[in-house]
Amino acid sequence: MAQARWVRWWFVLLLLATGMGKLLDLPGFVAVVDSYRLLPAPLLWPSAVALTVTELGLAAWLLSGRRLRLAAVLLIALHAMFMLWQLVTLARGIALDNCGCFGVFWARPLTWFTPLEDLVLIALAVWFWRATKRPIA
């Protein structure tokens, strides 16, 4: 199924871009995580590292072509977590100049449109999950 292959590669590229953007300036990304004011100071570094490693690891997993249905579930969970994190911050009235989606290198403000982007990614990941009932490698 060619469409599922394209979606898989699109997620690989997206995760590589977001993960590398965070990895190349991890201290800057820690500051972005801190700007959300959701985590205590001792969890900032571990959370920033975990998010970065998760994105890069998930990109590698998708590249491997193995257990794609499970990878799709993790894509759904990752983007649902991002969306929830953004919605909570927006509801609290916290203005952020950088949502942190691509680390510090492509700073984009957190707006009400940002969680909608993750909702689209969730829908795409759900479609990918459904499409992986058949082999797509």
Protein backbone atom coordinates (compact mmCIF):
# COMPACT_ATOMS: atom_id res chain seq x y z
CA MET A 1 0.00 0.00 0.00
CA ALA A 2 1.87 3.00 -1.35
CA GLN A 3 0.04 5.63 0.71
CA ALA A 4 1.03 3.97 3.99
CA ARG A 5 4.65 3.86 2.84
CA TRP A 6 4.56 7.60 2.16
CA VAL A 7 3.01 8.29 5.56
CA ARG A 8 5.64 6.14 7.23
CA TRP A 9 8.47 8.05 5.53
CA TRP A 10 6.80 11.38 6.28
CA PHE A 11 6.73 10.50 10.00
CA VAL A 12 10.38 9.38 9.81
CA LEU A 13 11.40 12.75 8.36
CA LEU A 14 9.26 14.70 10.81
CA LEU A 15 10.61 12.82 13.83
CA LEU A 16 14.20 13.17 12.63
CA ALA A 17 13.73 16.92 12.16
CA THR A 18 12.07 17.46 15.53
CA GLY A 19 14.42 15.13 17.41
CA MET A 20 17.59 16.54 15.85
CA GLY A 21 16.37 20.09 16.42
CA LYS A 22 16.11 19.29 20.11
CA LEU A 23 19.33 17.28 20.31
CA LEU A 24 21.50 19.98 18.69
CA ASP A 25 20.70 22.42 21.51
CA LEU A 26 19.53 20.30 24.41
CA PRO A 27 20.08 23.05 27.02
CA GLY A 28 17.93 25.35 24.88
CA PHE A 29 15.24 22.69 24.66
CA VAL A 30 15.36 22.22 28.44
CA ALA A 31 14.60 25.96 28.71
CA VAL A 32 11.64 25.49 26.34
CA VAL A 33 10.32 22.61 28.46
CA ASP A 34 10.71 24.82 31.53
CA SER A 35 8.72 27.62 29.85
CA TYR A 36 5.61 25.43 29.91
CA ARG A 37 5.74 25.57 33.74
CA LEU A 38 4.36 22.06 34.13
CA LEU A 39 7.32 20.15 35.55
CA PRO A 40 9.44 20.61 38.65
CA ALA A 41 13.09 21.57 38.07
CA PRO A 42 14.51 18.07 38.75
CA LEU A 43 12.40 16.63 35.90
CA LEU A 44 13.32 19.19 33.23
CA TRP A 45 16.51 17.56 31.94
CA PRO A 46 15.23 13.97 32.13
CA SER A 47 12.02 14.98 30.33
CA ALA A 48 13.83 16.89 27.59
CA VAL A 49 16.21 13.99 27.03
CA ALA A 50 13.36 11.46 27.08
CA LEU A 51 11.35 13.43 24.51
CA THR A 52 14.37 13.78 22.24
CA VAL A 53 15.36 10.13 22.51
CA THR A 54 11.74 9.05 21.99
CA GLU A 55 11.42 11.03 18.76
CA LEU A 56 14.75 9.81 17.37
CA GLY A 57 14.12 6.24 18.52
CA LEU A 58 10.67 6.20 16.98
CA ALA A 59 12.13 7.48 13.69
CA ALA A 60 14.67 4.63 13.75
CA TRP A 61 11.92 2.14 14.60
CA LEU A 62 9.82 3.30 11.65
CA LEU A 63 12.90 3.03 9.44
CA SER A 64 13.34 -0.57 10.52
CA GLY A 65 9.88 -1.47 9.19
CA ARG A 66 9.25 -3.83 12.11
CA ARG A 67 6.11 -3.96 14.25
CA LEU A 68 4.69 -0.89 12.54
CA ARG A 69 1.30 -1.19 14.22
CA LEU A 70 2.94 -0.77 17.62
CA ALA A 71 5.03 2.11 16.31
CA ALA A 72 1.82 3.75 15.08
CA VAL A 73 0.28 3.41 18.55
CA LEU A 74 3.33 5.14 20.01
CA LEU A 75 3.00 7.91 17.41
CA ILE A 76 -0.60 8.40 18.53
CA ALA A 77 0.41 8.48 22.20
CA LEU A 78 3.31 10.88 21.59
CA HIS A 79 1.24 13.40 19.68
CA ALA A 80 -1.68 13.08 22.10
CA MET A 81 0.71 13.90 24.95
CA PHE A 82 2.07 16.91 23.04
CA MET A 83 -1.45 18.10 22.30
CA LEU A 84 -2.55 17.76 25.93
CA TRP A 85 0.58 19.56 27.13
CA GLN A 86 -0.11 22.42 24.71
CA LEU A 87 -3.81 22.67 25.59
CA VAL A 88 -3.11 22.80 29.32
CA THR A 89 -0.54 25.56 28.78
CA LEU A 90 -2.86 27.56 26.55
CA ALA A 91 -5.76 27.15 28.99
CA ARG A 92 -3.52 28.49 31.76
CA GLY A 93 -2.92 31.62 29.66
CA ILE A 94 0.83 31.12 29.37
CA ALA A 95 2.24 32.84 26.28
CA LEU A 96 5.18 31.05 24.70
CA ASP A 97 7.33 32.47 21.91
CA ASN A 98 8.52 28.96 21.10
CA CYS A 99 6.34 25.86 21.33
CA GLY A 100 9.53 23.78 21.15
CA CYS A 101 8.22 21.52 18.41
CA PHE A 102 11.55 21.77 16.56
CA GLY A 103 13.71 22.64 19.53
CA VAL A 104 15.12 26.16 19.48
CA PHE A 105 16.08 26.35 15.81
CA TRP A 106 12.66 26.93 14.27
CA ALA A 107 10.94 28.87 17.01
CA ARG A 108 7.19 29.06 16.52
CA PRO A 109 4.84 30.58 19.08
CA LEU A 110 2.40 28.35 20.90
CA THR A 111 -1.05 29.23 19.55
CA TRP A 112 -4.41 27.50 19.51
CA PHE A 113 -3.44 26.25 16.06
CA THR A 114 -0.51 24.25 17.48
CA PRO A 115 -2.63 21.53 19.15
CA LEU A 116 -4.69 21.29 15.96
CA GLU A 117 -1.49 20.36 14.12
CA ASP A 118 -0.98 17.52 16.60
CA LEU A 119 -4.60 16.48 16.15
CA VAL A 120 -3.93 16.14 12.41
CA LEU A 121 -0.81 14.09 13.20
CA ILE A 122 -2.87 11.87 15.51
CA ALA A 123 -5.44 11.32 12.76
CA LEU A 124 -2.65 10.50 10.31
CA ALA A 125 -1.09 8.06 12.79
CA VAL A 126 -4.48 6.41 13.34
CA TRP A 127 -4.85 6.04 9.59
CA PHE A 128 -1.33 4.58 9.44
CA TRP A 129 -2.18 2.15 12.26
CA ARG A 130 -5.24 0.97 10.35
CA ALA A 131 -3.25 0.67 7.12
CA THR A 132 -0.60 -1.50 8.76
CA LYS A 133 -3.00 -4.43 9.00
CA ARG A 134 -1.40 -5.39 5.73
CA PRO A 135 2.35 -5.45 5.05
CA ILE A 136 3.53 -2.07 3.71
CA ALA A 137 7.31 -2.31 3.78
